[in-house]
Amino acid sequence: MKNSRAIGLPAAILLLAASGVFAQAPARTDSTDLGNTAWRLVQFRGSDDTILTPANPARYTIEFRPDGRVAARVECNRGAGSWKSAGPGQLELGPLALTRRKCPRAPLSDRVVKDWRFVRSYLVRGGHLFLSLMADGGIYEFEPMDPEEAVSGRVKGTATYRERMALPPDAVFEATLEDVSRADAPATVIGSVRMDPPGNPPIAFEITYDPSRVDPAHRYVVRGKVLVAGKLFFVTRKPYPVLTGGRGHEVALLLRRASAPGPAVGVTGVPGSPHGSAGAAGASLEGTHWRLIRLGDKSVTAPSPQKEPHIVLDRASRRVGGSGGCNRLSGSYEVSGDRLTFGQMAGTMMACIDGMETEKAFLGALGQAKKWRVTGQHLELFDAAGKTLARFEAAPSGSDAPR
């Protein structure tokens, strides 16, 4: 490979020795199996009491694979080699092929490169790994890390929202891992993921990143969003800290409806979504002519379009208008997430030959409504126990349905 070279590196990513015992290779070990373990450097202690510690431990790592291969990182470069153990506490590292990126000069990185081939024994004690050099050359001390983080870091998370709705087929979920340490500069994205389609919540995701880009003194956050037809639909309203400061590698995002532009909170479809009939776009809770098609478990059929029970919610005034099938109706409503309640409804007092029972039941359903859900071109209202009270269908755009 043009960008690699075979060299004898010091304990490639070996952890700096913190034990203080340097004279001989340890006589015993808590574990004789290094396979499938990964370690992050803590410090190196020389026989002359010289101590070197990494400014960024994530840039000095070593992973022992069960097949006898080893993966390593020294500062900004990655390496691959071999390892073998002839017996308990014994360790020999083969030549390491290392990439040749130009990294900041550091005494520790130079030392690791020189010492790699001189590692002869190891000891696992107190959860830490100690690698001893031949001829009392010193000890590297490491702390354990997830093997998945050894070569590429990973932040795992879930994203959800409170609305009771399914995402349309053209939805896309995106999440970013950002360095937000500088208040006077834009955030720097160091990792991202895109899921198309993401499925329904909770949306499980994983962001991979280069651990060498993580500075323990910096601050890192995860943000997420859902796009539908290329427009912002759901988004995190706050950053979620991870990695440094003890924040860890897992996060749970709460997404909220984008404030503008677009459909109202809780909408399943957006303009251009392939939902509904007659080519209609996905319907919005507010601003849509909702005609009643079912009350409880009974279908509702209007005798004529002019006597069609329906409602229209006006977002600006938070008023609802419509018809019970005989009398005109009006009142107020409140919506928050998946919660929806109607105030006292007022109406005309006409007496009709047909539809009075339906109108009475319709008003009763509106009075009991506590929650709502839009799926494509249909709106459902539920009581506090989750029982379906009423089901509506969006009138096609351009229809002559009364309003």
Protein backbone atom coordinates (compact mmCIF):
# COMPACT_ATOMS: atom_id res chain seq x y z
CA MET A 1 0.00 0.00 0.00
CA LYS A 2 1.36 3.41 -0.92
CA ASN A 3 0.12 5.02 2.26
CA SER A 4 1.46 2.37 4.64
CA ARG A 5 4.84 1.20 5.88
CA ALA A 6 5.94 -1.73 7.99
CA ILE A 7 7.69 -0.64 11.13
CA GLY A 8 8.33 -1.85 14.64
CA LEU A 9 6.12 0.40 16.72
CA PRO A 10 6.20 0.67 20.48
CA ALA A 11 3.16 -0.70 22.12
CA ALA A 12 1.25 0.84 19.21
CA ILE A 13 -1.51 2.09 21.18
CA LEU A 14 -0.37 0.82 24.43
CA LEU A 15 -1.62 2.33 27.62
CA LEU A 16 0.87 4.13 29.72
CA ALA A 17 2.05 2.12 32.68
CA ALA A 18 0.55 3.23 35.93
CA SER A 19 1.66 0.39 38.14
CA GLY A 20 5.22 1.44 39.01
CA VAL A 21 6.56 -2.16 38.77
CA PHE A 22 9.10 -2.32 35.96
CA ALA A 23 11.77 -4.81 36.87
CA GLN A 24 10.41 -7.98 35.31
CA ALA A 25 7.48 -9.27 33.29
CA PRO A 26 4.63 -10.12 35.67
CA ALA A 27 4.66 -13.71 36.84
CA ARG A 28 0.87 -14.10 36.74
CA THR A 29 -2.15 -12.52 35.14
CA ASP A 30 -5.86 -12.31 35.89
CA SER A 31 -6.61 -13.37 32.32
CA THR A 32 -4.64 -15.22 29.65
CA ASP A 33 -7.01 -14.37 26.80
CA LEU A 34 -6.51 -10.98 25.13
CA GLY A 35 -8.57 -11.89 22.07
CA ASN A 36 -11.55 -9.66 21.37
CA THR A 37 -10.44 -6.94 23.79
CA ALA A 38 -9.69 -3.29 23.11
CA TRP A 39 -7.75 -0.79 25.20
CA ARG A 40 -7.13 2.93 25.44
CA LEU A 41 -3.76 4.31 26.60
CA VAL A 42 -3.55 5.80 30.07
CA GLN A 43 0.17 6.42 30.52
CA PHE A 44 3.73 5.21 29.98
CA ARG A 45 6.13 4.92 32.89
CA GLY A 46 9.82 4.44 32.19
CA SER A 47 12.29 2.65 34.43
CA ASP A 48 13.75 6.07 35.22
CA ASP A 49 10.30 7.20 36.46
CA THR A 50 9.62 9.17 33.29
CA ILE A 51 5.86 9.45 32.84
CA LEU A 52 4.18 10.26 29.54
CA THR A 53 0.40 10.67 29.19
CA PRO A 54 -1.60 11.19 26.00
CA ALA A 55 -3.35 14.51 25.50
CA ASN A 56 -6.14 12.54 23.81
CA PRO A 57 -6.33 8.86 24.88
CA ALA A 58 -8.70 8.11 21.98
CA ARG A 59 -5.72 8.60 19.65
CA TYR A 60 -3.73 5.80 21.31
CA THR A 61 -5.63 2.53 21.22
CA ILE A 62 -5.02 -1.16 20.62
CA GLU A 63 -7.40 -3.98 19.76
CA PHE A 64 -6.51 -7.67 20.03
CA ARG A 65 -8.55 -9.77 17.65
CA PRO A 66 -9.22 -13.51 18.18
CA ASP A 67 -7.59 -14.41 14.85
CA GLY A 68 -4.19 -13.13 16.01
CA ARG A 69 -4.46 -9.77 14.29
CA VAL A 70 -4.06 -6.46 16.05
CA ALA A 71 -5.51 -3.05 15.11
CA ALA A 72 -3.90 0.07 16.51
CA ARG A 73 -3.94 3.83 16.45
CA VAL A 74 -0.98 6.08 17.15
CA GLU A 75 -1.95 9.75 17.16
CA CYS A 76 -3.68 10.34 13.77
CA ASN A 77 -2.42 7.15 12.11
CA ARG A 78 -3.95 3.67 12.07
CA GLY A 79 -2.03 0.43 12.03
CA ALA A 80 -2.49 -3.32 11.58
CA GLY A 81 -0.25 -6.15 12.69
CA SER A 82 -0.20 -9.43 14.58
CA TRP A 83 0.07 -10.68 18.16
CA LYS A 84 0.75 -14.00 19.86
CA SER A 85 1.03 -15.32 23.37
CA ALA A 86 3.18 -18.41 24.08
CA GLY A 87 1.83 -18.71 27.62
CA PRO A 88 0.23 -16.86 30.53
CA GLY A 89 1.51 -13.32 30.75
CA GLN A 90 3.62 -13.61 27.58
CA LEU A 91 3.04 -11.34 24.59
CA GLU A 92 4.84 -10.67 21.35
CA LEU A 93 3.74 -8.07 18.80
CA GLY A 94 4.59 -8.48 15.13
CA PRO A 95 5.55 -5.64 12.75
CA LEU A 96 2.90 -2.94 12.42
CA ALA A 97 1.88 -1.48 9.06
CA LEU A 98 1.01 2.13 9.79
CA THR A 99 -0.57 4.83 7.66
CA ARG A 100 1.60 7.86 6.98
CA ARG A 101 -0.56 10.85 7.78
CA LYS A 102 1.32 13.87 9.06
CA CYS A 103 0.36 14.13 12.74
CA PRO A 104 1.32 16.73 15.35
CA ARG A 105 4.67 15.77 16.85
CA ALA A 106 4.33 14.29 20.33
CA PRO A 107 6.93 12.57 22.57
CA LEU A 108 4.48 9.77 23.30
CA SER A 109 3.75 8.91 19.67
CA ASP A 110 7.46 8.73 18.90
CA ARG A 111 7.99 6.50 21.93
CA VAL A 112 5.19 4.10 21.01
CA VAL A 113 6.64 3.63 17.53
CA LYS A 114 10.03 2.72 18.97
CA ASP A 115 8.77 0.46 21.74
CA TRP A 116 6.21 -1.63 19.84
CA ARG A 117 8.54 -4.51 18.98
CA PHE A 118 10.01 -4.67 22.50
CA VAL A 119 6.80 -5.68 24.29
CA ARG A 120 7.36 -9.09 25.91
CA SER A 121 4.78 -9.56 28.68
CA TYR A 122 1.42 -8.36 29.91
CA LEU A 123 -0.64 -8.24 33.07
CA VAL A 124 -4.35 -7.58 33.53
CA ARG A 125 -5.02 -6.19 36.98
CA GLY A 126 -7.88 -4.11 38.33
CA GLY A 127 -9.45 -4.03 34.88
CA HIS A 128 -6.37 -2.38 33.35
CA LEU A 129 -3.84 -3.88 30.96
CA PHE A 130 -0.11 -3.41 31.61
CA LEU A 131 2.40 -4.11 28.81
CA SER A 132 6.02 -4.51 29.87
CA LEU A 133 9.02 -3.88 27.64
CA MET A 134 12.07 -6.13 27.57
CA ALA A 135 15.19 -5.15 29.51
CA ASP A 136 13.16 -3.16 32.05
CA GLY A 137 12.38 -0.60 29.38
CA GLY A 138 9.14 0.54 30.97
CA ILE A 139 5.43 -0.21 31.17
CA TYR A 140 2.43 0.97 29.17
CA GLU A 141 -0.87 1.11 31.01
CA PHE A 142 -4.26 0.87 29.24
CA GLU A 143 -7.87 1.10 30.29
CA PRO A 144 -10.59 -1.03 28.66
CA MET A 145 -12.80 0.23 25.85
CA ASP A 146 -15.58 -1.25 23.74
CA PRO A 147 -14.02 -3.17 20.82
CA GLU A 148 -16.44 -1.37 18.50
CA GLU A 149 -14.82 1.92 19.48
CA ALA A 150 -11.25 0.80 18.90
CA VAL A 151 -10.95 1.59 15.21
CA SER A 152 -14.05 3.74 14.73
CA GLY A 153 -16.01 5.39 17.49
CA ARG A 154 -19.76 4.89 17.70
CA VAL A 155 -22.60 6.81 19.29
CA LYS A 156 -25.80 4.80 19.52
CA GLY A 157 -29.22 6.30 20.05
CA THR A 158 -32.96 6.29 19.55
CA ALA A 159 -35.23 9.04 18.25
CA THR A 160 -38.93 9.36 18.94
CA TYR A 161 -41.75 11.90 19.02
CA ARG A 162 -44.93 12.27 21.04
CA GLU A 163 -47.44 12.48 18.21
CA ARG A 164 -49.46 9.32 17.56
CA MET A 165 -48.75 8.92 13.88
CA ALA A 166 -46.81 6.96 11.33
CA LEU A 167 -44.20 8.54 9.07
CA PRO A 168 -44.98 8.62 5.34
CA PRO A 169 -42.93 6.40 2.99
CA ASP A 170 -40.78 9.29 1.76
CA ALA A 171 -39.59 10.27 5.25
CA VAL A 172 -35.83 10.50 5.90
CA PHE A 173 -34.12 10.58 9.32
CA GLU A 174 -30.78 12.33 9.80
CA ALA A 175 -28.60 12.70 12.90
CA THR A 176 -25.29 14.50 13.35
CA LEU A 177 -22.50 14.39 15.93
CA GLU A 178 -21.10 17.90 16.36
CA ASP A 179 -18.24 19.65 18.13
CA VAL A 180 -19.80 22.75 19.73
CA SER A 181 -16.82 23.89 21.79
CA ARG A 182 -16.33 27.26 20.09
CA ALA A 183 -19.05 29.76 20.85
CA ASP A 184 -17.74 32.11 18.16
CA ALA A 185 -17.78 29.55 15.35
CA PRO A 186 -20.27 27.18 13.71
CA ALA A 187 -20.45 23.63 15.04
CA THR A 188 -18.14 21.12 13.36
CA VAL A 189 -19.81 17.88 12.24
CA ILE A 190 -17.55 14.89 12.98
CA GLY A 191 -20.07 12.15 12.22
CA SER A 192 -23.53 11.68 10.71
CA VAL A 193 -26.09 9.08 9.69
CA ARG A 194 -28.96 9.11 7.18
CA MET A 195 -31.78 6.54 7.21
CA ASP A 196 -34.10 6.33 4.20
CA PRO A 197 -36.68 5.21 5.19
CA PRO A 198 -36.25 5.21 8.99
CA GLY A 199 -39.36 3.18 9.86
CA ASN A 200 -41.59 4.17 12.75
CA PRO A 201 -40.41 5.33 16.18
CA PRO A 202 -38.48 4.59 18.20
CA ILE A 203 -35.91 5.03 15.43
CA ALA A 204 -32.66 3.24 16.35
CA PHE A 205 -29.53 4.79 14.84
CA GLU A 206 -25.75 4.70 15.09
CA ILE A 207 -23.24 7.41 14.23
CA THR A 208 -19.64 6.40 13.53
CA TYR A 209 -16.80 8.87 13.95
CA ASP A 210 -13.03 9.08 14.06
CA PRO A 211 -11.96 8.98 17.75
CA SER A 212 -8.83 10.94 16.89
CA ARG A 213 -11.04 13.96 16.23
CA VAL A 214 -12.41 13.94 19.78
CA ASP A 215 -10.68 16.23 22.26
CA PRO A 216 -11.47 15.50 25.95
CA ALA A 217 -11.57 19.25 26.59
CA HIS A 218 -14.23 19.86 23.91
CA ARG A 219 -18.02 19.55 24.02
CA TYR A 220 -19.97 17.26 21.67
CA VAL A 221 -23.69 16.97 20.98
CA VAL A 222 -26.10 14.99 18.82
CA ARG A 223 -28.96 16.57 16.88
CA GLY A 224 -31.64 14.84 14.81
CA LYS A 225 -34.36 15.62 12.29
CA VAL A 226 -36.93 14.04 9.99
CA LEU A 227 -37.44 15.33 6.45
CA VAL A 228 -40.49 14.61 4.32
CA ALA A 229 -40.43 15.46 0.62
CA GLY A 230 -37.23 17.39 1.35
CA LYS A 231 -38.88 19.63 3.96
CA LEU A 232 -38.21 19.72 7.69
CA PHE A 233 -40.91 17.75 9.52
CA PHE A 234 -39.55 16.83 12.98
CA VAL A 235 -36.45 18.23 14.68
CA THR A 236 -34.69 18.23 18.04
CA ARG A 237 -35.24 21.53 19.82
CA LYS A 238 -32.12 21.18 21.97
CA PRO A 239 -28.66 19.58 21.62
CA TYR A 240 -28.02 16.27 23.41
CA PRO A 241 -24.52 16.10 24.99
CA VAL A 242 -22.39 12.95 24.49
CA LEU A 243 -18.83 11.62 24.79
CA THR A 244 -16.86 14.02 26.98
CA GLY A 245 -17.62 15.07 30.53
CA GLY A 246 -18.85 11.59 31.37
CA ARG A 247 -21.76 11.81 28.90
CA GLY A 248 -21.15 8.38 27.36
CA HIS A 249 -21.90 6.94 23.94
CA GLU A 250 -25.68 6.53 24.07
CA VAL A 251 -28.41 9.11 23.61
CA ALA A 252 -32.22 9.29 23.41
CA LEU A 253 -33.56 12.10 21.20
CA LEU A 254 -37.01 13.64 21.49
CA LEU A 255 -38.12 15.14 18.18
CA ARG A 256 -40.73 17.88 17.93
CA ARG A 257 -42.76 19.14 15.00
CA ALA A 258 -41.01 21.79 12.97
CA SER A 259 -42.73 25.10 13.69
CA ALA A 260 -42.82 26.36 10.09
CA PRO A 261 -43.36 26.08 7.27
CA GLY A 262 -45.54 23.02 6.72
CA PRO A 263 -48.49 21.14 8.18
CA ALA A 264 -49.69 21.51 11.73
CA VAL A 265 -48.43 19.45 14.65
CA GLY A 266 -49.24 15.78 14.36
CA VAL A 267 -49.82 15.70 10.60
CA THR A 268 -48.98 12.40 8.93
CA GLY A 269 -48.66 13.71 5.39
CA VAL A 270 -47.23 16.86 3.87
CA PRO A 271 -47.82 18.49 0.52
CA GLY A 272 -46.70 16.07 -2.15
CA SER A 273 -47.07 12.92 0.00
CA PRO A 274 -48.72 10.02 -1.84
CA HIS A 275 -51.65 9.64 0.51
CA GLY A 276 -55.40 9.88 0.03
CA SER A 277 -57.65 9.56 -2.96
CA ALA A 278 -58.16 11.57 -6.10
CA GLY A 279 -54.52 12.65 -5.97
CA ALA A 280 -55.01 14.57 -2.72
CA ALA A 281 -51.94 15.28 -0.64
CA GLY A 282 -51.51 14.11 2.93
CA ALA A 283 -54.00 15.95 5.10
CA SER A 284 -53.36 18.36 7.94
CA LEU A 285 -55.35 18.43 11.15
CA GLU A 286 -55.95 22.16 10.81
CA GLY A 287 -57.29 23.84 7.70
CA THR A 288 -58.74 20.61 6.27
CA HIS A 289 -62.43 19.97 5.57
CA TRP A 290 -63.04 16.80 7.61
CA ARG A 291 -66.29 15.03 6.71
CA LEU A 292 -67.67 12.53 9.21
CA ILE A 293 -67.78 8.94 7.96
CA ARG A 294 -68.10 6.94 11.20
CA LEU A 295 -69.32 7.42 14.77
CA GLY A 296 -68.05 4.69 17.08
CA ASP A 297 -68.69 1.47 15.17
CA LYS A 298 -71.44 2.89 12.94
CA SER A 299 -70.97 4.29 9.44
CA VAL A 300 -72.33 7.75 8.67
CA THR A 301 -73.76 8.54 5.24
CA ALA A 302 -74.98 12.04 4.49
CA PRO A 303 -78.28 12.31 2.53
CA SER A 304 -76.68 15.02 0.40
CA PRO A 305 -73.43 17.04 0.23
CA GLN A 306 -75.29 20.01 1.69
CA LYS A 307 -76.19 17.95 4.80
CA GLU A 308 -72.78 16.40 5.34
CA PRO A 309 -71.58 16.38 9.00
CA HIS A 310 -68.11 17.92 9.03
CA ILE A 311 -65.64 20.12 10.89
CA VAL A 312 -62.87 22.52 9.90
CA LEU A 313 -60.26 23.63 12.47
CA ASP A 314 -58.81 27.11 11.96
CA ARG A 315 -55.24 27.33 13.19
CA ALA A 316 -55.06 31.13 13.45
CA SER A 317 -58.16 31.62 15.62
CA ARG A 318 -58.22 28.18 17.29
CA ARG A 319 -61.91 28.01 16.36
CA VAL A 320 -63.76 25.06 14.87
CA GLY A 321 -66.66 25.38 12.47
CA GLY A 322 -68.76 22.93 10.53
CA SER A 323 -72.11 21.20 10.47
CA GLY A 324 -73.83 18.45 12.40
CA GLY A 325 -75.74 17.50 9.28
CA CYS A 326 -78.60 19.83 10.09
CA ASN A 327 -77.34 22.78 12.10
CA ARG A 328 -74.23 24.88 11.65
CA LEU A 329 -71.69 24.37 14.46
CA SER A 330 -68.94 26.56 15.93
CA GLY A 331 -66.75 26.53 19.00
CA SER A 332 -63.18 26.53 20.26
CA TYR A 333 -60.53 23.84 20.49
CA GLU A 334 -57.13 23.22 22.06
CA VAL A 335 -54.41 21.04 20.56
CA SER A 336 -51.06 20.04 22.08
CA GLY A 337 -49.13 17.14 20.60
CA ASP A 338 -51.58 14.26 20.27
CA ARG A 339 -54.10 15.86 22.66
CA LEU A 340 -57.19 17.59 21.28
CA THR A 341 -60.20 18.94 23.16
CA PHE A 342 -63.23 20.93 22.02
CA GLY A 343 -64.94 23.67 24.00
CA GLN A 344 -68.71 24.13 24.28
CA MET A 345 -70.17 24.00 20.77
CA ALA A 346 -72.77 26.54 19.66
CA GLY A 347 -75.10 26.10 16.70
CA THR A 348 -78.25 27.07 14.92
CA MET A 349 -81.51 25.55 16.17
CA MET A 350 -83.11 24.19 13.04
CA ALA A 351 -85.23 21.02 13.22
CA CYS A 352 -84.55 18.58 10.39
CA ILE A 353 -86.44 15.47 9.31
CA ASP A 354 -83.21 13.48 8.83
CA GLY A 355 -79.94 13.45 10.73
CA MET A 356 -80.90 14.74 14.17
CA GLU A 357 -79.76 11.57 15.97
CA THR A 358 -76.48 11.60 14.11
CA GLU A 359 -75.97 15.27 14.95
CA LYS A 360 -76.59 14.63 18.65
CA ALA A 361 -74.14 11.72 18.71
CA PHE A 362 -71.63 13.81 16.76
CA LEU A 363 -71.75 16.62 19.33
CA GLY A 364 -71.37 14.05 22.11
CA ALA A 365 -68.26 12.61 20.46
CA LEU A 366 -66.67 16.05 20.12
CA GLY A 367 -67.35 16.69 23.80
CA GLN A 368 -65.58 13.46 24.83
CA ALA A 369 -62.58 13.82 22.51
CA LYS A 370 -59.17 13.83 24.21
CA LYS A 371 -56.73 12.62 21.56
CA TRP A 372 -56.40 12.56 17.79
CA ARG A 373 -54.50 10.89 14.99
CA VAL A 374 -54.16 11.63 11.28
CA THR A 375 -53.24 8.78 8.95
CA GLY A 376 -53.05 9.81 5.33
CA GLN A 377 -56.49 11.26 4.51
CA HIS A 378 -58.24 10.14 7.69
CA LEU A 379 -58.67 11.74 11.10
CA GLU A 380 -59.63 9.77 14.19
CA LEU A 381 -60.77 11.11 17.57
CA PHE A 382 -60.33 9.11 20.77
CA ASP A 383 -61.62 9.38 24.32
CA ALA A 384 -59.36 9.33 27.40
CA ALA A 385 -59.31 5.52 27.40
CA GLY A 386 -58.22 5.35 23.76
CA LYS A 387 -61.62 4.27 22.40
CA THR A 388 -62.36 5.52 18.88
CA LEU A 389 -65.18 8.10 18.95
CA ALA A 390 -65.28 9.32 15.38
CA ARG A 391 -63.55 8.92 12.04
CA PHE A 392 -63.35 11.56 9.32
CA GLU A 393 -62.18 11.72 5.72
CA ALA A 394 -60.53 14.74 4.12
CA ALA A 395 -62.63 16.28 1.34
CA PRO A 396 -60.68 16.29 -1.96
CA SER A 397 -59.11 19.61 -2.88
CA GLY A 398 -61.40 21.60 -5.13
CA SER A 399 -64.53 19.66 -4.16
CA ASP A 400 -67.83 21.40 -3.68
CA ALA A 401 -68.10 20.25 -0.09
CA PRO A 402 -69.71 22.88 2.10
CA ARG A 403 -67.63 24.76 4.64
